[in-house]
Amino acid sequence: MRSDTINAPYAMTRCAFWKSALASLMCLPLTVLAQLPSSGQFSSAPDEWLLSNGQAWHYQTRVAKPASSLVFRAPLSHEKEIVEKAQRLFEHSSAKAMALVDANQVVWVGYKSPAGSSNRFLSFSVGKTVTAMAVGKAICEGKMSLDDEVGKLIPELSGTDLGKATIEHLLKMSSGTWAGNPDTTIWTSEQDQRVRSGSMTYLDILSTSQVSCAAKNSQGIPLKPGELFIYRSTDPLTLGVALNKTTGTTYAKYVEREVLIPAGIRRPAIIGQDHFGYGTSDGNVRMYLEDWIRFAAWVKANESGTGCFADYIRRAVKKQIPNSRKIGAHFDGYGYQIWTDNFKHRDSYWAAGHGGQRIGWNHANNRVLIAFSNVENYMAELYSLYAEWASLK
């Protein structure tokens, strides 16, 4: 049975119970999923995760015909010093792939064994930015709006606190709901296994009282949507379900059609989803490095374009809410599922993923940096490198 058809009443009843009987308590999970990997104090992405091809039930995309062209060129004289710095950082860091790009021109690219051009690289939370792009396309198609409440688009969440949040609140990570596990996930180990076995959906998890009830501030007052930036999986996963509900197709197929094919990918990508087609929209996209470059170039080209989607991207990549709790220590702001106001280059915006996955853009020019890594322990140096790369004319 599709369990997304049976859990909504249960979620609303439990939500009311939590509010009345346990009003003084924060929602706490009974069993927390084992943390994502770490190395000391830094998050990590071991090769068996970073370079994997996902699960059998994940979606493999088609490719663009023709693919977007990439131009591989040698660095110009004023770029050589920065390219040399990139090579040194790459050699002495946990990076497994790195590229310096100017629009569609690949000025330098490096791979470190066992990674290579024949490997797909897992996005981790870089995939949140992919989700934001798909949401922008749906908005411009009239499938949803920034002001639509979640409960209107996802009837199973109607009547819950999560259902009162709008699409824009979700894009800004400000639904007002529970902050999640310490690694920002929102499921227990049992729920994770049930999703993997096909007996539970992501919508089921979102419908639980634990996830769909409002969090409380330090005075015990429930948060309102839009009040506070809290980084967790709830908001992007809900955006993914909203895409299923409004576009007439699955999250993965919509991302394929409206984001990856327009970006011009040359080889098939793999997009995470549960057994019922709800997307792992908080970060599970696997692409070859050259196609990540194509995606990055596509985002930047659209930022400087005209029309609804270009307007959306320009809004998405600027600070929409302050990072007042410094959840991402290197950033002072957050746009639409993307980080802004980096401490090394204020004009830049970043897609960032667990373990050191990064795509950095800036508003002034087309220079992009891309990195996929094992350990998130060299990000300050990476941001400094990008500040220099972005400063070039």
Protein backbone atom coordinates (compact mmCIF):
# COMPACT_ATOMS: atom_id res chain seq x y z
CA MET A 1 0.00 0.00 0.00
CA ARG A 2 1.22 3.51 -0.73
CA SER A 3 1.68 4.76 2.81
CA ASP A 4 1.50 8.43 1.75
CA THR A 5 -2.27 7.94 1.63
CA ILE A 6 -2.64 6.87 5.26
CA ASN A 7 -0.28 8.92 7.41
CA ALA A 8 -1.64 12.46 7.17
CA PRO A 9 -4.52 12.07 9.69
CA TYR A 10 -2.13 10.34 12.08
CA ALA A 11 0.35 13.21 11.73
CA MET A 12 -2.29 15.86 12.46
CA THR A 13 -3.60 14.01 15.51
CA ARG A 14 -0.14 13.51 16.95
CA CYS A 15 0.77 17.15 16.22
CA ALA A 16 -2.16 18.34 18.30
CA PHE A 17 -1.14 15.94 21.06
CA TRP A 18 2.44 17.25 21.17
CA LYS A 19 1.21 20.84 21.34
CA SER A 20 -1.21 20.26 24.20
CA ALA A 21 0.30 17.54 26.36
CA LEU A 22 4.01 18.19 25.79
CA ALA A 23 4.04 21.92 25.15
CA SER A 24 7.07 22.45 27.35
CA LEU A 25 9.23 19.88 25.57
CA MET A 26 11.18 20.08 22.32
CA CYS A 27 10.39 17.33 19.79
CA LEU A 28 13.20 14.81 20.19
CA PRO A 29 13.70 11.63 18.15
CA LEU A 30 13.49 8.32 19.91
CA THR A 31 16.17 6.76 17.73
CA VAL A 32 18.60 8.95 15.85
CA LEU A 33 20.13 7.82 12.60
CA ALA A 34 23.86 7.18 12.86
CA GLN A 35 25.71 10.32 11.93
CA LEU A 36 27.01 10.97 8.46
CA PRO A 37 30.74 10.16 8.36
CA SER A 38 33.26 12.47 9.98
CA SER A 39 37.00 12.69 10.37
CA GLY A 40 37.81 14.25 13.70
CA GLN A 41 35.81 17.47 13.87
CA PHE A 42 35.29 17.62 10.11
CA SER A 43 32.56 16.03 7.99
CA SER A 44 33.81 13.44 5.55
CA ALA A 45 32.75 11.69 2.37
CA PRO A 46 34.63 8.41 1.92
CA ASP A 47 35.23 7.24 -1.64
CA GLU A 48 32.60 4.50 -1.37
CA TRP A 49 30.03 7.29 -0.87
CA LEU A 50 31.51 10.06 -2.99
CA LEU A 51 32.14 7.91 -6.07
CA SER A 52 29.21 5.50 -5.84
CA ASN A 53 26.43 5.12 -8.40
CA GLY A 54 23.52 5.04 -6.00
CA GLN A 55 20.84 2.43 -5.49
CA ALA A 56 18.95 0.22 -7.94
CA TRP A 57 15.72 2.20 -7.39
CA HIS A 58 17.35 5.56 -8.12
CA TYR A 59 16.63 7.26 -11.44
CA GLN A 60 19.11 7.35 -14.32
CA THR A 61 18.58 10.30 -16.62
CA ARG A 62 18.70 10.78 -20.33
CA VAL A 63 21.30 13.13 -21.83
CA ALA A 64 21.12 16.35 -23.79
CA LYS A 65 21.32 16.11 -27.57
CA PRO A 66 23.51 17.90 -28.30
CA ALA A 67 25.44 18.32 -25.06
CA SER A 68 26.60 21.79 -24.10
CA SER A 69 30.10 22.43 -25.34
CA LEU A 70 33.05 22.83 -23.00
CA VAL A 71 36.27 24.45 -24.13
CA PHE A 72 39.46 23.17 -22.52
CA ARG A 73 42.20 25.78 -22.72
CA ALA A 74 45.56 26.52 -21.14
CA PRO A 75 45.67 29.24 -18.47
CA LEU A 76 46.48 32.73 -19.67
CA SER A 77 49.48 34.55 -18.26
CA HIS A 78 47.49 36.37 -15.56
CA GLU A 79 45.81 33.08 -14.54
CA LYS A 80 48.91 30.90 -14.18
CA GLU A 81 49.79 31.87 -10.62
CA ILE A 82 46.30 31.06 -9.35
CA VAL A 83 46.22 27.79 -11.29
CA GLU A 84 49.52 26.83 -9.65
CA LYS A 85 48.00 27.61 -6.23
CA ALA A 86 45.02 25.44 -7.13
CA GLN A 87 47.30 22.57 -8.07
CA ARG A 88 49.21 22.82 -4.78
CA LEU A 89 46.01 22.97 -2.74
CA PHE A 90 44.62 20.04 -4.67
CA GLU A 91 47.72 17.92 -4.11
CA HIS A 92 47.86 18.58 -0.37
CA SER A 93 44.14 18.38 0.45
CA SER A 94 41.45 15.72 0.51
CA ALA A 95 40.06 16.95 -2.84
CA LYS A 96 39.38 14.17 -5.33
CA ALA A 97 38.39 16.47 -8.21
CA MET A 98 38.73 20.21 -8.72
CA ALA A 99 38.23 22.64 -11.59
CA LEU A 100 38.72 26.33 -12.35
CA VAL A 101 36.25 27.49 -14.96
CA ASP A 102 35.49 30.70 -16.83
CA ALA A 103 31.99 30.43 -18.32
CA ASN A 104 32.23 27.26 -20.45
CA GLN A 105 36.04 27.36 -20.58
CA VAL A 106 37.79 24.83 -18.38
CA VAL A 107 41.10 26.44 -17.51
CA TRP A 108 42.34 23.73 -15.17
CA VAL A 109 40.99 20.42 -13.90
CA GLY A 110 42.48 17.83 -11.58
CA TYR A 111 41.57 14.31 -10.49
CA LYS A 112 43.07 12.19 -7.73
CA SER A 113 42.94 8.39 -7.66
CA PRO A 114 40.66 6.52 -7.46
CA ALA A 115 38.56 9.37 -8.88
CA GLY A 116 38.74 10.22 -12.55
CA SER A 117 36.75 11.44 -15.51
CA SER A 118 34.90 8.09 -15.60
CA ASN A 119 33.44 8.58 -12.11
CA ARG A 120 30.21 10.20 -11.07
CA PHE A 121 30.49 12.46 -8.02
CA LEU A 122 27.77 12.56 -5.35
CA SER A 123 26.40 16.02 -4.69
CA PHE A 124 25.53 15.63 -1.03
CA SER A 125 23.84 18.99 -0.25
CA VAL A 126 24.99 20.60 -3.49
CA GLY A 127 21.84 18.81 -4.63
CA LYS A 128 19.77 21.29 -2.61
CA THR A 129 20.76 23.95 -5.14
CA VAL A 130 19.68 21.62 -7.96
CA THR A 131 16.31 21.37 -6.20
CA ALA A 132 16.08 25.16 -5.98
CA MET A 133 16.62 25.43 -9.73
CA ALA A 134 13.82 22.94 -10.38
CA VAL A 135 11.49 24.87 -8.08
CA GLY A 136 12.29 28.03 -10.01
CA LYS A 137 11.32 26.33 -13.25
CA ALA A 138 8.04 25.13 -11.71
CA ILE A 139 7.27 28.66 -10.51
CA CYS A 140 7.94 30.08 -13.95
CA GLU A 141 5.67 27.42 -15.48
CA GLY A 142 2.88 28.49 -13.14
CA LYS A 143 2.88 25.15 -11.31
CA MET A 144 3.40 26.85 -7.94
CA SER A 145 4.28 30.24 -6.50
CA LEU A 146 6.57 31.53 -3.77
CA ASP A 147 3.50 32.38 -1.70
CA ASP A 148 1.79 28.98 -1.96
CA GLU A 149 1.40 27.26 1.40
CA VAL A 150 2.71 23.72 1.64
CA GLY A 151 -0.66 22.39 2.82
CA LYS A 152 -2.29 23.69 -0.36
CA LEU A 153 0.16 21.81 -2.58
CA ILE A 154 0.59 18.72 -0.39
CA PRO A 155 -2.80 17.80 1.11
CA GLU A 156 -1.21 15.21 3.41
CA LEU A 157 0.51 18.08 5.25
CA SER A 158 -2.57 20.30 5.50
CA GLY A 159 -3.27 21.22 9.11
CA THR A 160 0.30 20.69 10.28
CA ASP A 161 2.74 23.43 11.19
CA LEU A 162 4.88 22.45 8.21
CA GLY A 163 1.80 22.85 6.03
CA LYS A 164 1.57 26.53 7.04
CA ALA A 165 4.99 27.34 5.59
CA THR A 166 5.21 28.73 2.07
CA ILE A 167 7.42 27.65 -0.80
CA GLU A 168 9.60 30.69 -0.15
CA HIS A 169 9.96 29.75 3.51
CA LEU A 170 11.17 26.31 2.42
CA LEU A 171 13.61 27.79 -0.08
CA LYS A 172 15.05 29.94 2.73
CA MET A 173 15.23 27.01 5.21
CA SER A 174 12.79 28.79 7.50
CA SER A 175 9.75 26.50 7.80
CA GLY A 176 9.89 26.88 11.59
CA THR A 177 9.96 23.13 12.20
CA TRP A 178 12.32 20.84 14.12
CA ALA A 179 16.03 21.39 13.50
CA GLY A 180 16.64 17.70 12.85
CA ASN A 181 19.36 15.33 13.95
CA PRO A 182 22.86 16.72 14.59
CA ASP A 183 23.81 15.89 10.99
CA THR A 184 20.69 17.80 9.71
CA THR A 185 18.87 14.61 8.63
CA ILE A 186 15.33 14.10 9.95
CA TRP A 187 14.83 10.35 10.09
CA THR A 188 15.57 7.61 12.58
CA SER A 189 17.60 4.55 11.68
CA GLU A 190 14.37 2.53 11.51
CA GLN A 191 12.75 5.05 9.16
CA ASP A 192 15.84 5.07 6.97
CA GLN A 193 15.69 1.29 6.63
CA ARG A 194 11.98 1.42 5.86
CA VAL A 195 12.54 3.95 3.08
CA ARG A 196 15.28 1.74 1.67
CA SER A 197 13.05 -1.34 1.80
CA GLY A 198 10.13 0.45 0.18
CA SER A 199 7.74 0.32 3.15
CA MET A 200 7.95 4.07 3.85
CA THR A 201 8.17 7.23 1.76
CA TYR A 202 9.79 10.60 2.32
CA LEU A 203 6.27 12.04 2.54
CA ASP A 204 5.55 9.64 5.39
CA ILE A 205 8.56 10.99 7.28
CA LEU A 206 7.53 14.60 6.63
CA SER A 207 4.03 13.75 7.91
CA THR A 208 5.22 12.55 11.33
CA SER A 209 4.65 14.87 14.28
CA GLN A 210 8.38 14.92 14.96
CA VAL A 211 9.05 16.61 11.64
CA SER A 212 5.85 18.52 10.88
CA CYS A 213 5.35 20.26 14.25
CA ALA A 214 6.79 23.71 14.94
CA ALA A 215 10.03 23.93 16.86
CA LYS A 216 10.18 26.15 19.93
CA ASN A 217 12.52 28.99 20.76
CA SER A 218 14.44 29.30 24.03
CA GLN A 219 11.31 30.71 25.73
CA GLY A 220 9.28 27.69 24.65
CA ILE A 221 7.30 29.66 22.07
CA PRO A 222 6.65 27.88 18.75
CA LEU A 223 8.55 29.34 15.82
CA LYS A 224 6.63 30.91 12.98
CA PRO A 225 7.50 30.19 9.34
CA GLY A 226 10.03 32.68 8.05
CA GLU A 227 11.22 33.63 11.53
CA LEU A 228 14.55 31.80 11.70
CA PHE A 229 17.03 30.12 9.35
CA ILE A 230 17.55 26.50 10.41
CA TYR A 231 19.51 24.22 8.10
CA ARG A 232 17.99 20.73 7.86
CA SER A 233 16.54 18.21 5.41
CA THR A 234 12.86 18.99 6.05
CA ASP A 235 12.58 22.00 3.78
CA PRO A 236 14.28 20.65 0.62
CA LEU A 237 12.55 17.28 0.97
CA THR A 238 9.21 19.08 1.17
CA LEU A 239 10.11 21.07 -1.94
CA GLY A 240 10.76 17.78 -3.71
CA VAL A 241 7.37 16.39 -2.72
CA ALA A 242 5.75 19.65 -3.86
CA LEU A 243 7.32 19.15 -7.29
CA ASN A 244 5.79 15.65 -7.46
CA LYS A 245 2.40 17.02 -6.51
CA THR A 246 2.34 19.97 -8.92
CA THR A 247 4.25 19.01 -12.06
CA GLY A 248 2.55 15.77 -13.02
CA THR A 249 5.79 13.82 -12.85
CA THR A 250 8.41 12.75 -10.31
CA TYR A 251 11.07 14.97 -8.80
CA ALA A 252 13.82 13.13 -10.66
CA LYS A 253 12.14 13.33 -14.06
CA TYR A 254 11.33 17.00 -13.56
CA VAL A 255 14.94 17.79 -12.60
CA GLU A 256 16.06 15.86 -15.65
CA ARG A 257 13.71 17.70 -18.00
CA GLU A 258 13.92 21.22 -16.63
CA VAL A 259 17.45 21.44 -15.19
CA LEU A 260 19.92 18.79 -16.35
CA ILE A 261 18.87 18.48 -20.00
CA PRO A 262 18.79 22.30 -20.40
CA ALA A 263 22.21 22.40 -18.71
CA GLY A 264 23.41 20.14 -21.51
CA ILE A 265 24.71 17.10 -19.64
CA ARG A 266 26.65 14.69 -21.88
CA ARG A 267 26.41 11.51 -19.80
CA PRO A 268 23.57 10.08 -17.71
CA ALA A 269 23.18 11.39 -14.18
CA ILE A 270 21.67 9.44 -11.29
CA ILE A 271 19.09 11.12 -9.05
CA GLY A 272 18.13 9.70 -5.67
CA GLN A 273 14.51 8.89 -4.90
CA ASP A 274 12.48 6.55 -2.72
CA HIS A 275 10.62 3.54 -4.12
CA PHE A 276 7.54 5.68 -4.80
CA GLY A 277 9.27 8.43 -6.78
CA TYR A 278 9.63 11.06 -4.07
CA GLY A 279 13.03 12.62 -4.58
CA THR A 280 15.97 12.67 -2.21
CA SER A 281 15.82 16.39 -2.87
CA ASP A 282 17.98 17.35 0.09
CA GLY A 283 21.06 16.16 -1.81
CA ASN A 284 21.45 13.02 -3.90
CA VAL A 285 22.50 13.85 -7.46
CA ARG A 286 25.39 12.01 -9.09
CA MET A 287 27.09 13.44 -12.17
CA TYR A 288 30.43 13.34 -13.90
CA LEU A 289 32.63 16.34 -13.17
CA GLU A 290 32.27 17.72 -16.69
CA ASP A 291 28.51 17.70 -16.28
CA TRP A 292 28.76 19.44 -12.91
CA ILE A 293 30.74 22.08 -14.82
CA ARG A 294 27.94 22.29 -17.38
CA PHE A 295 25.39 22.72 -14.60
CA ALA A 296 27.46 25.49 -13.00
CA ALA A 297 27.85 27.29 -16.33
CA TRP A 298 24.11 26.98 -16.96
CA VAL A 299 23.24 28.56 -13.61
CA LYS A 300 25.59 31.46 -14.28
CA ALA A 301 24.35 31.98 -17.84
CA ASN A 302 20.77 32.12 -16.59
CA GLU A 303 21.69 34.60 -13.86
CA SER A 304 22.68 37.09 -16.55
CA GLY A 305 19.69 36.30 -18.78
CA THR A 306 16.21 37.75 -19.08
CA GLY A 307 12.75 36.52 -18.20
CA CYS A 308 11.10 34.78 -15.27
CA PHE A 309 13.75 32.14 -14.57
CA ALA A 310 16.62 34.63 -14.77
CA ASP A 311 14.77 36.89 -12.33
CA TYR A 312 14.27 33.92 -10.02
CA ILE A 313 17.95 32.97 -10.08
CA ARG A 314 19.05 36.54 -9.38
CA ARG A 315 16.81 36.47 -6.33
CA ALA A 316 17.88 32.96 -5.34
CA VAL A 317 21.61 33.74 -5.24
CA LYS A 318 21.32 36.81 -3.02
CA LYS A 319 20.89 36.77 0.74
CA GLN A 320 17.24 36.23 1.60
CA ILE A 321 17.71 35.43 5.28
CA PRO A 322 20.62 35.99 7.69
CA ASN A 323 22.60 33.04 8.98
CA SER A 324 22.24 34.40 12.50
CA ARG A 325 23.09 31.11 14.20
CA LYS A 326 26.23 30.67 12.05
CA ILE A 327 25.23 27.15 11.09
CA GLY A 328 27.57 27.44 8.12
CA ALA A 329 30.46 29.23 9.80
CA HIS A 330 31.89 30.69 6.59
CA PHE A 331 28.67 32.31 5.41
CA ASP A 332 26.59 35.19 6.73
CA GLY A 333 23.53 34.59 4.57
CA TYR A 334 21.36 32.13 2.72
CA GLY A 335 19.41 32.55 -0.49
CA TYR A 336 17.18 29.89 -2.00
CA GLN A 337 18.88 26.61 -1.03
CA ILE A 338 22.25 28.28 -1.60
CA TRP A 339 24.80 29.97 0.68
CA THR A 340 25.72 33.64 0.33
CA ASP A 341 28.05 36.28 1.80
CA ASN A 342 31.16 34.14 2.14
CA PHE A 343 33.71 35.59 4.56
CA LYS A 344 36.50 35.51 1.95
CA HIS A 345 34.49 36.87 -0.98
CA ARG A 346 31.29 38.64 -0.04
CA ASP A 347 30.06 38.79 -3.62
CA SER A 348 30.09 35.01 -4.04
CA TYR A 349 27.40 32.37 -3.63
CA TRP A 350 27.95 28.69 -3.00
CA ALA A 351 26.36 25.28 -3.35
CA ALA A 352 27.87 23.31 -0.48
CA GLY A 353 27.77 19.64 0.46
CA HIS A 354 28.86 17.39 3.32
CA GLY A 355 32.51 16.40 3.21
CA GLY A 356 33.77 19.33 1.13
CA GLN A 357 31.66 19.40 -2.02
CA ARG A 358 31.54 22.96 -3.37
CA ILE A 359 30.52 25.05 -6.35
CA GLY A 360 31.38 28.73 -6.06
CA TRP A 361 30.06 31.53 -8.29
CA ASN A 362 30.15 35.31 -8.05
CA HIS A 363 27.93 38.10 -9.36
CA ALA A 364 30.63 40.10 -11.15
CA ASN A 365 31.95 37.59 -13.69
CA ASN A 366 31.74 34.02 -14.99
CA ARG A 367 34.55 32.49 -12.96
CA VAL A 368 33.55 29.33 -11.13
CA LEU A 369 35.34 26.91 -8.81
CA ILE A 370 34.20 23.30 -8.34
CA ALA A 371 35.56 20.83 -5.79
CA PHE A 372 34.62 17.31 -4.68
CA SER A 373 36.40 16.07 -1.58
CA ASN A 374 36.75 13.42 1.10
CA VAL A 375 37.10 15.67 4.16
CA GLU A 376 35.81 19.18 4.77
CA ASN A 377 39.04 20.36 6.40
CA TYR A 378 40.48 22.80 3.86
CA MET A 379 37.52 25.02 3.07
CA ALA A 380 39.11 28.27 4.29
CA GLU A 381 41.96 27.74 1.82
CA LEU A 382 39.48 26.86 -0.91
CA TYR A 383 37.50 30.04 -0.32
CA SER A 384 40.71 32.08 -0.43
CA LEU A 385 41.64 30.44 -3.72
CA TYR A 386 38.24 31.27 -5.15
CA ALA A 387 38.47 34.89 -4.01
CA GLU A 388 41.62 35.21 -6.10
CA TRP A 389 40.12 33.40 -9.08
CA ALA A 390 36.98 35.53 -8.96
CA SER A 391 39.00 38.76 -8.81
CA LEU A 392 40.46 38.20 -12.29
CA LYS A 393 39.05 40.16 -15.18
